[in-house]
Amino acid sequence: MTELTVEGFATGSLVGLLQELFGFPDDSLTPTTTLEELGLDSLALMELGAVVEERTGLELGSWLTDISGSESLEHVARTIAGFSA
């Protein structure tokens, strides 16, 4: 389990978590890939959010499960980086 810093959270951090949790191959995860394209449902987003919170110390609340499926990985990562621990 890798600790993540909020300041260092970037698209690569999110991609790594998605690969670790859900086994997505490298070529399916680009900065412009959307959550919808990955087929992540609300349960998967809850799991992802819990891992991000655990590893960064952030409190995302329901933000991750409430965002639009059309959001890109880059947007999601930038927003997470904008949260303060």
PDB file of N, CA and C in Angstrom:
ATOM      1  N   MET A   1       0.852  -1.175   0.000  1.00  0.00           N
ATOM      2  CA  MET A   1       0.000   0.000   0.000  1.00  0.00           C
ATOM      3  C   MET A   1       0.892   1.229   0.000  1.00  0.00           C
ATOM      4  N   THR A   2       0.663   2.113  -0.955  1.00  0.00           N
ATOM      5  CA  THR A   2       1.472   3.310  -1.111  1.00  0.00           C
ATOM      6  C   THR A   2       0.730   4.511  -0.554  1.00  0.00           C
ATOM      7  N   GLU A   3       1.442   5.312   0.260  1.00  0.00           N
ATOM      8  CA  GLU A   3       0.878   6.564   0.738  1.00  0.00           C
ATOM      9  C   GLU A   3       0.977   7.587  -0.387  1.00  0.00           C
ATOM     10  N   LEU A   4      -0.013   8.408  -0.530  1.00  0.00           N
ATOM     11  CA  LEU A   4      -0.023   9.450  -1.549  1.00  0.00           C
ATOM     12  C   LEU A   4      -0.125  10.799  -0.865  1.00  0.00           C
ATOM     13  N   THR A   5       0.566  11.782  -1.406  1.00  0.00           N
ATOM     14  CA  THR A   5       0.406  13.130  -0.897  1.00  0.00           C
ATOM     15  C   THR A   5      -0.597  13.853  -1.773  1.00  0.00           C
ATOM     16  N   VAL A   6      -1.349  14.727  -1.165  1.00  0.00           N
ATOM     17  CA  VAL A   6      -2.341  15.482  -1.916  1.00  0.00           C
ATOM     18  C   VAL A   6      -1.644  16.358  -2.938  1.00  0.00           C
ATOM     19  N   GLU A   7      -0.541  16.997  -2.518  1.00  0.00           N
ATOM     20  CA  GLU A   7       0.179  17.889  -3.416  1.00  0.00           C
ATOM     21  C   GLU A   7       0.712  17.138  -4.627  1.00  0.00           C
ATOM     22  N   GLY A   8       1.081  15.882  -4.441  1.00  0.00           N
ATOM     23  CA  GLY A   8       1.637  15.098  -5.522  1.00  0.00           C
ATOM     24  C   GLY A   8       0.614  14.277  -6.280  1.00  0.00           C
ATOM     25  N   PHE A   9      -0.663  14.431  -5.912  1.00  0.00           N
ATOM     26  CA  PHE A   9      -1.695  13.632  -6.568  1.00  0.00           C
ATOM     27  C   PHE A   9      -1.915  14.164  -7.964  1.00  0.00           C
ATOM     28  N   ALA A  10      -1.731  13.300  -8.933  1.00  0.00           N
ATOM     29  CA  ALA A  10      -1.865  13.696 -10.338  1.00  0.00           C
ATOM     30  C   ALA A  10      -2.559  12.569 -11.090  1.00  0.00           C
ATOM     31  N   THR A  11      -2.697  12.757 -12.374  1.00  0.00           N
ATOM     32  CA  THR A  11      -3.361  11.748 -13.201  1.00  0.00           C
ATOM     33  C   THR A  11      -2.668  10.396 -13.047  1.00  0.00           C
ATOM     34  N   GLY A  12      -1.350  10.400 -12.966  1.00  0.00           N
ATOM     35  CA  GLY A  12      -0.608   9.148 -12.800  1.00  0.00           C
ATOM     36  C   GLY A  12      -0.964   8.429 -11.509  1.00  0.00           C
ATOM     37  N   SER A  13      -1.201   9.192 -10.450  1.00  0.00           N
ATOM     38  CA  SER A  13      -1.613   8.596  -9.171  1.00  0.00           C
ATOM     39  C   SER A  13      -2.967   7.921  -9.308  1.00  0.00           C
ATOM     40  N   LEU A  14      -3.885   8.602  -9.974  1.00  0.00           N
ATOM     41  CA  LEU A  14      -5.225   8.055 -10.175  1.00  0.00           C
ATOM     42  C   LEU A  14      -5.172   6.825 -11.069  1.00  0.00           C
ATOM     43  N   VAL A  15      -4.389   6.896 -12.126  1.00  0.00           N
ATOM     44  CA  VAL A  15      -4.232   5.753 -13.032  1.00  0.00           C
ATOM     45  C   VAL A  15      -3.688   4.551 -12.268  1.00  0.00           C
ATOM     46  N   GLY A  16      -2.689   4.770 -11.436  1.00  0.00           N
ATOM     47  CA  GLY A  16      -2.117   3.683 -10.645  1.00  0.00           C
ATOM     48  C   GLY A  16      -3.142   3.038  -9.729  1.00  0.00           C
ATOM     49  N   LEU A  17      -3.972   3.856  -9.096  1.00  0.00           N
ATOM     50  CA  LEU A  17      -5.013   3.313  -8.227  1.00  0.00           C
ATOM     51  C   LEU A  17      -6.048   2.518  -9.016  1.00  0.00           C
ATOM     52  N   LEU A  18      -6.436   3.027 -10.164  1.00  0.00           N
ATOM     53  CA  LEU A  18      -7.411   2.318 -10.996  1.00  0.00           C
ATOM     54  C   LEU A  18      -6.859   0.980 -11.468  1.00  0.00           C
ATOM     55  N   GLN A  19      -5.593   0.949 -11.798  1.00  0.00           N
ATOM     56  CA  GLN A  19      -4.975  -0.313 -12.208  1.00  0.00           C
ATOM     57  C   GLN A  19      -4.907  -1.285 -11.034  1.00  0.00           C
ATOM     58  N   GLU A  20      -4.514  -0.783  -9.888  1.00  0.00           N
ATOM     59  CA  GLU A  20      -4.398  -1.627  -8.703  1.00  0.00           C
ATOM     60  C   GLU A  20      -5.748  -2.188  -8.261  1.00  0.00           C
ATOM     61  N   LEU A  21      -6.756  -1.337  -8.224  1.00  0.00           N
ATOM     62  CA  LEU A  21      -8.064  -1.751  -7.713  1.00  0.00           C
ATOM     63  C   LEU A  21      -8.885  -2.557  -8.711  1.00  0.00           C
ATOM     64  N   PHE A  22      -8.835  -2.162  -9.984  1.00  0.00           N
ATOM     65  CA  PHE A  22      -9.751  -2.737 -10.962  1.00  0.00           C
ATOM     66  C   PHE A  22      -9.071  -3.447 -12.124  1.00  0.00           C
ATOM     67  N   GLY A  23      -7.747  -3.417 -12.162  1.00  0.00           N
ATOM     68  CA  GLY A  23      -7.013  -4.152 -13.183  1.00  0.00           C
ATOM     69  C   GLY A  23      -7.090  -3.585 -14.594  1.00  0.00           C
ATOM     70  N   PHE A  24      -7.336  -2.279 -14.723  1.00  0.00           N
ATOM     71  CA  PHE A  24      -7.377  -1.683 -16.050  1.00  0.00           C
ATOM     72  C   PHE A  24      -5.995  -1.737 -16.698  1.00  0.00           C
ATOM     73  N   PRO A  25      -5.923  -2.071 -17.967  1.00  0.00           N
ATOM     74  CA  PRO A  25      -4.626  -2.062 -18.665  1.00  0.00           C
ATOM     75  C   PRO A  25      -4.186  -0.624 -18.949  1.00  0.00           C
ATOM     76  N   ASP A  26      -2.870  -0.446 -19.086  1.00  0.00           N
ATOM     77  CA  ASP A  26      -2.299   0.882 -19.339  1.00  0.00           C
ATOM     78  C   ASP A  26      -2.957   1.607 -20.498  1.00  0.00           C
ATOM     79  N   ASP A  27      -3.192   0.908 -21.582  1.00  0.00           N
ATOM     80  CA  ASP A  27      -3.678   1.580 -22.792  1.00  0.00           C
ATOM     81  C   ASP A  27      -5.135   2.044 -22.698  1.00  0.00           C
ATOM     82  N   SER A  28      -5.842   1.662 -21.640  1.00  0.00           N
ATOM     83  CA  SER A  28      -7.228   2.119 -21.491  1.00  0.00           C
ATOM     84  C   SER A  28      -7.328   3.358 -20.609  1.00  0.00           C
ATOM     85  N   LEU A  29      -6.213   3.800 -20.048  1.00  0.00           N
ATOM     86  CA  LEU A  29      -6.225   4.915 -19.103  1.00  0.00           C
ATOM     87  C   LEU A  29      -5.351   6.062 -19.593  1.00  0.00           C
ATOM     88  N   THR A  30      -5.999   7.075 -20.135  1.00  0.00           N
ATOM     89  CA  THR A  30      -5.302   8.276 -20.574  1.00  0.00           C
ATOM     90  C   THR A  30      -5.865   9.457 -19.788  1.00  0.00           C
ATOM     91  N   PRO A  31      -5.207  10.594 -19.814  1.00  0.00           N
ATOM     92  CA  PRO A  31      -5.754  11.754 -19.096  1.00  0.00           C
ATOM     93  C   PRO A  31      -7.165  12.135 -19.548  1.00  0.00           C
ATOM     94  N   THR A  32      -7.504  11.857 -20.804  1.00  0.00           N
ATOM     95  CA  THR A  32      -8.821  12.240 -21.312  1.00  0.00           C
ATOM     96  C   THR A  32      -9.876  11.138 -21.192  1.00  0.00           C
ATOM     97  N   THR A  33      -9.490   9.955 -20.724  1.00  0.00           N
ATOM     98  CA  THR A  33     -10.458   8.880 -20.498  1.00  0.00           C
ATOM     99  C   THR A  33     -11.466   9.335 -19.450  1.00  0.00           C
ATOM    100  N   THR A  34     -12.738   9.078 -19.702  1.00  0.00           N
ATOM    101  CA  THR A  34     -13.769   9.475 -18.739  1.00  0.00           C
ATOM    102  C   THR A  34     -14.138   8.308 -17.836  1.00  0.00           C
ATOM    103  N   LEU A  35     -14.747   8.646 -16.721  1.00  0.00           N
ATOM    104  CA  LEU A  35     -15.221   7.611 -15.797  1.00  0.00           C
ATOM    105  C   LEU A  35     -16.261   6.731 -16.480  1.00  0.00           C
ATOM    106  N   GLU A  36     -17.087   7.341 -17.306  1.00  0.00           N
ATOM    107  CA  GLU A  36     -18.113   6.600 -18.037  1.00  0.00           C
ATOM    108  C   GLU A  36     -17.490   5.581 -18.995  1.00  0.00           C
ATOM    109  N   GLU A  37     -16.438   5.992 -19.692  1.00  0.00           N
ATOM    110  CA  GLU A  37     -15.759   5.085 -20.615  1.00  0.00           C
ATOM    111  C   GLU A  37     -15.184   3.866 -19.886  1.00  0.00           C
ATOM    112  N   LEU A  38     -14.820   4.057 -18.632  1.00  0.00           N
ATOM    113  CA  LEU A  38     -14.282   2.942 -17.847  1.00  0.00           C
ATOM    114  C   LEU A  38     -15.391   2.066 -17.275  1.00  0.00           C
ATOM    115  N   GLY A  39     -16.615   2.562 -17.308  1.00  0.00           N
ATOM    116  CA  GLY A  39     -17.735   1.783 -16.791  1.00  0.00           C
ATOM    117  C   GLY A  39     -17.767   1.703 -15.270  1.00  0.00           C
ATOM    118  N   LEU A  40     -17.210   2.713 -14.610  1.00  0.00           N
ATOM    119  CA  LEU A  40     -17.197   2.708 -13.148  1.00  0.00           C
ATOM    120  C   LEU A  40     -18.562   3.096 -12.610  1.00  0.00           C
ATOM    121  N   ASP A  41     -19.155   2.208 -11.830  1.00  0.00           N
ATOM    122  CA  ASP A  41     -20.453   2.513 -11.231  1.00  0.00           C
ATOM    123  C   ASP A  41     -20.241   3.178  -9.876  1.00  0.00           C
ATOM    124  N   SER A  42     -21.331   3.524  -9.203  1.00  0.00           N
ATOM    125  CA  SER A  42     -21.226   4.251  -7.935  1.00  0.00           C
ATOM    126  C   SER A  42     -20.501   3.425  -6.868  1.00  0.00           C
ATOM    127  N   LEU A  43     -20.665   2.119  -6.883  1.00  0.00           N
ATOM    128  CA  LEU A  43     -19.969   1.274  -5.908  1.00  0.00           C
ATOM    129  C   LEU A  43     -18.453   1.312  -6.137  1.00  0.00           C
ATOM    130  N   ALA A  44     -18.044   1.247  -7.408  1.00  0.00           N
ATOM    131  CA  ALA A  44     -16.617   1.319  -7.727  1.00  0.00           C
ATOM    132  C   ALA A  44     -16.054   2.683  -7.335  1.00  0.00           C
ATOM    133  N   LEU A  45     -16.819   3.744  -7.562  1.00  0.00           N
ATOM    134  CA  LEU A  45     -16.359   5.082  -7.185  1.00  0.00           C
ATOM    135  C   LEU A  45     -16.271   5.234  -5.673  1.00  0.00           C
ATOM    136  N   MET A  46     -17.178   4.588  -4.948  1.00  0.00           N
ATOM    137  CA  MET A  46     -17.092   4.598  -3.481  1.00  0.00           C
ATOM    138  C   MET A  46     -15.813   3.908  -3.029  1.00  0.00           C
ATOM    139  N   GLU A  47     -15.504   2.771  -3.633  1.00  0.00           N
ATOM    140  CA  GLU A  47     -14.286   2.042  -3.285  1.00  0.00           C
ATOM    141  C   GLU A  47     -13.053   2.881  -3.601  1.00  0.00           C
ATOM    142  N   LEU A  48     -13.035   3.493  -4.767  1.00  0.00           N
ATOM    143  CA  LEU A  48     -11.913   4.344  -5.150  1.00  0.00           C
ATOM    144  C   LEU A  48     -11.771   5.503  -4.167  1.00  0.00           C
ATOM    145  N   GLY A  49     -12.882   6.137  -3.840  1.00  0.00           N
ATOM    146  CA  GLY A  49     -12.858   7.252  -2.892  1.00  0.00           C
ATOM    147  C   GLY A  49     -12.331   6.842  -1.533  1.00  0.00           C
ATOM    148  N   ALA A  50     -12.732   5.675  -1.058  1.00  0.00           N
ATOM    149  CA  ALA A  50     -12.255   5.195   0.243  1.00  0.00           C
ATOM    150  C   ALA A  50     -10.742   4.985   0.231  1.00  0.00           C
ATOM    151  N   VAL A  51     -10.220   4.442  -0.860  1.00  0.00           N
ATOM    152  CA  VAL A  51      -8.779   4.219  -0.963  1.00  0.00           C
ATOM    153  C   VAL A  51      -8.033   5.549  -1.039  1.00  0.00           C
ATOM    154  N   VAL A  52      -8.559   6.489  -1.820  1.00  0.00           N
ATOM    155  CA  VAL A  52      -7.923   7.814  -1.900  1.00  0.00           C
ATOM    156  C   VAL A  52      -7.908   8.462  -0.516  1.00  0.00           C
ATOM    157  N   GLU A  53      -9.022   8.405   0.192  1.00  0.00           N
ATOM    158  CA  GLU A  53      -9.085   8.985   1.537  1.00  0.00           C
ATOM    159  C   GLU A  53      -8.089   8.319   2.477  1.00  0.00           C
ATOM    160  N   GLU A  54      -8.039   7.003   2.427  1.00  0.00           N
ATOM    161  CA  GLU A  54      -7.139   6.253   3.302  1.00  0.00           C
ATOM    162  C   GLU A  54      -5.675   6.602   3.043  1.00  0.00           C
ATOM    163  N   ARG A  55      -5.321   6.728   1.794  1.00  0.00           N
ATOM    164  CA  ARG A  55      -3.914   6.932   1.444  1.00  0.00           C
ATOM    165  C   ARG A  55      -3.459   8.382   1.465  1.00  0.00           C
ATOM    166  N   THR A  56      -4.401   9.319   1.394  1.00  0.00           N
ATOM    167  CA  THR A  56      -4.020  10.732   1.382  1.00  0.00           C
ATOM    168  C   THR A  56      -4.403  11.464   2.662  1.00  0.00           C
ATOM    169  N   GLY A  57      -5.334  10.887   3.423  1.00  0.00           N
ATOM    170  CA  GLY A  57      -5.827  11.575   4.609  1.00  0.00           C
ATOM    171  C   GLY A  57      -6.918  12.592   4.301  1.00  0.00           C
ATOM    172  N   LEU A  58      -7.359  12.652   3.052  1.00  0.00           N
ATOM    173  CA  LEU A  58      -8.428  13.568   2.652  1.00  0.00           C
ATOM    174  C   LEU A  58      -9.779  13.061   3.113  1.00  0.00           C
ATOM    175  N   GLU A  59     -10.732  13.969   3.170  1.00  0.00           N
ATOM    176  CA  GLU A  59     -12.124  13.599   3.380  1.00  0.00           C
ATOM    177  C   GLU A  59     -12.903  14.071   2.164  1.00  0.00           C
ATOM    178  N   LEU A  60     -13.140  13.144   1.238  1.00  0.00           N
ATOM    179  CA  LEU A  60     -13.837  13.483   0.000  1.00  0.00           C
ATOM    180  C   LEU A  60     -15.345  13.451   0.158  1.00  0.00           C
ATOM    181  N   GLY A  61     -15.828  12.804   1.207  1.00  0.00           N
ATOM    182  CA  GLY A  61     -17.271  12.670   1.389  1.00  0.00           C
ATOM    183  C   GLY A  61     -17.878  11.949   0.202  1.00  0.00           C
ATOM    184  N   SER A  62     -18.986  12.453  -0.286  1.00  0.00           N
ATOM    185  CA  SER A  62     -19.654  11.805  -1.416  1.00  0.00           C
ATOM    186  C   SER A  62     -19.254  12.435  -2.744  1.00  0.00           C
ATOM    187  N   TRP A  63     -18.263  13.328  -2.728  1.00  0.00           N
ATOM    188  CA  TRP A  63     -17.889  14.039  -3.959  1.00  0.00           C
ATOM    189  C   TRP A  63     -17.646  13.088  -5.122  1.00  0.00           C
ATOM    190  N   LEU A  64     -16.874  12.026  -4.908  1.00  0.00           N
ATOM    191  CA  LEU A  64     -16.504  11.146  -6.010  1.00  0.00           C
ATOM    192  C   LEU A  64     -17.711  10.391  -6.570  1.00  0.00           C
ATOM    193  N   THR A  65     -18.631  10.014  -5.728  1.00  0.00           N
ATOM    194  CA  THR A  65     -19.802   9.288  -6.234  1.00  0.00           C
ATOM    195  C   THR A  65     -20.834  10.229  -6.854  1.00  0.00           C
ATOM    196  N   ASP A  66     -20.707  11.526  -6.585  1.00  0.00           N
ATOM    197  CA  ASP A  66     -21.664  12.507  -7.116  1.00  0.00           C
ATOM    198  C   ASP A  66     -21.200  13.169  -8.408  1.00  0.00           C
ATOM    199  N   ILE A  67     -19.964  12.924  -8.850  1.00  0.00           N
ATOM    200  CA  ILE A  67     -19.481  13.605 -10.049  1.00  0.00           C
ATOM    201  C   ILE A  67     -20.037  12.954 -11.310  1.00  0.00           C
ATOM    202  N   SER A  68     -19.979  13.692 -12.368  1.00  0.00           N
ATOM    203  CA  SER A  68     -20.493  13.226 -13.655  1.00  0.00           C
ATOM    204  C   SER A  68     -19.567  12.176 -14.258  1.00  0.00           C
ATOM    205  N   GLY A  69     -20.155  11.192 -14.901  1.00  0.00           N
ATOM    206  CA  GLY A  69     -19.376  10.165 -15.592  1.00  0.00           C
ATOM    207  C   GLY A  69     -18.599  10.717 -16.769  1.00  0.00           C
ATOM    208  N   SER A  70     -18.939  11.926 -17.198  1.00  0.00           N
ATOM    209  CA  SER A  70     -18.226  12.517 -18.331  1.00  0.00           C
ATOM    210  C   SER A  70     -16.927  13.208 -17.923  1.00  0.00           C
ATOM    211  N   GLU A  71     -16.607  13.191 -16.636  1.00  0.00           N
ATOM    212  CA  GLU A  71     -15.367  13.818 -16.165  1.00  0.00           C
ATOM    213  C   GLU A  71     -14.169  12.975 -16.579  1.00  0.00           C
ATOM    214  N   SER A  72     -13.113  13.647 -17.016  1.00  0.00           N
ATOM    215  CA  SER A  72     -11.892  12.945 -17.416  1.00  0.00           C
ATOM    216  C   SER A  72     -11.064  12.591 -16.185  1.00  0.00           C
ATOM    217  N   LEU A  73     -10.168  11.627 -16.356  1.00  0.00           N
ATOM    218  CA  LEU A  73      -9.269  11.252 -15.264  1.00  0.00           C
ATOM    219  C   LEU A  73      -8.416  12.443 -14.844  1.00  0.00           C
ATOM    220  N   GLU A  74      -7.999  13.237 -15.816  1.00  0.00           N
ATOM    221  CA  GLU A  74      -7.199  14.425 -15.508  1.00  0.00           C
ATOM    222  C   GLU A  74      -7.976  15.396 -14.618  1.00  0.00           C
ATOM    223  N   HIS A  75      -9.252  15.618 -14.940  1.00  0.00           N
ATOM    224  CA  HIS A  75     -10.095  16.514 -14.143  1.00  0.00           C
ATOM    225  C   HIS A  75     -10.286  15.960 -12.732  1.00  0.00           C
ATOM    226  N   VAL A  76     -10.564  14.683 -12.631  1.00  0.00           N
ATOM    227  CA  VAL A  76     -10.769  14.053 -11.327  1.00  0.00           C
ATOM    228  C   VAL A  76      -9.501  14.184 -10.482  1.00  0.00           C
ATOM    229  N   ALA A  77      -8.351  13.894 -11.071  1.00  0.00           N
ATOM    230  CA  ALA A  77      -7.082  13.970 -10.333  1.00  0.00           C
ATOM    231  C   ALA A  77      -6.803  15.407  -9.885  1.00  0.00           C
ATOM    232  N   ARG A  78      -7.029  16.384 -10.754  1.00  0.00           N
ATOM    233  CA  ARG A  78      -6.800  17.796 -10.393  1.00  0.00           C
ATOM    234  C   ARG A  78      -7.727  18.218  -9.256  1.00  0.00           C
ATOM    235  N   THR A  79      -8.962  17.753  -9.305  1.00  0.00           N
ATOM    236  CA  THR A  79      -9.913  18.110  -8.250  1.00  0.00           C
ATOM    237  C   THR A  79      -9.492  17.491  -6.924  1.00  0.00           C
ATOM    238  N   ILE A  80      -9.078  16.233  -6.951  1.00  0.00           N
ATOM    239  CA  ILE A  80      -8.602  15.584  -5.720  1.00  0.00           C
ATOM    240  C   ILE A  80      -7.399  16.338  -5.169  1.00  0.00           C
ATOM    241  N   ALA A  81      -6.485  16.737  -6.041  1.00  0.00           N
ATOM    242  CA  ALA A  81      -5.301  17.484  -5.610  1.00  0.00           C
ATOM    243  C   ALA A  81      -5.689  18.823  -4.990  1.00  0.00           C
ATOM    244  N   GLY A  82      -6.848  19.359  -5.367  1.00  0.00           N
ATOM    245  CA  GLY A  82      -7.305  20.630  -4.841  1.00  0.00           C
ATOM    246  C   GLY A  82      -7.930  20.547  -3.454  1.00  0.00           C
ATOM    247  N   PHE A  83      -8.250  19.337  -3.007  1.00  0.00           N
ATOM    248  CA  PHE A  83      -8.792  19.167  -1.659  1.00  0.00           C
ATOM    249  C   PHE A  83      -7.657  19.396  -0.666  1.00  0.00           C
ATOM    250  N   SER A  84      -7.976  19.849   0.507  1.00  0.00           N
ATOM    251  CA  SER A  84      -6.928  20.004   1.519  1.00  0.00           C
ATOM    252  C   SER A  84      -7.124  18.970   2.609  1.00  0.00           C
ATOM    253  N   ALA A  85      -6.017  18.420   3.051  1.00  0.00           N
ATOM    254  CA  ALA A  85      -6.040  17.370   4.074  1.00  0.00           C
ATOM    255  C   ALA A  85      -6.387  17.953   5.436  1.00  0.00           C
TER     256      ALA A  85
END
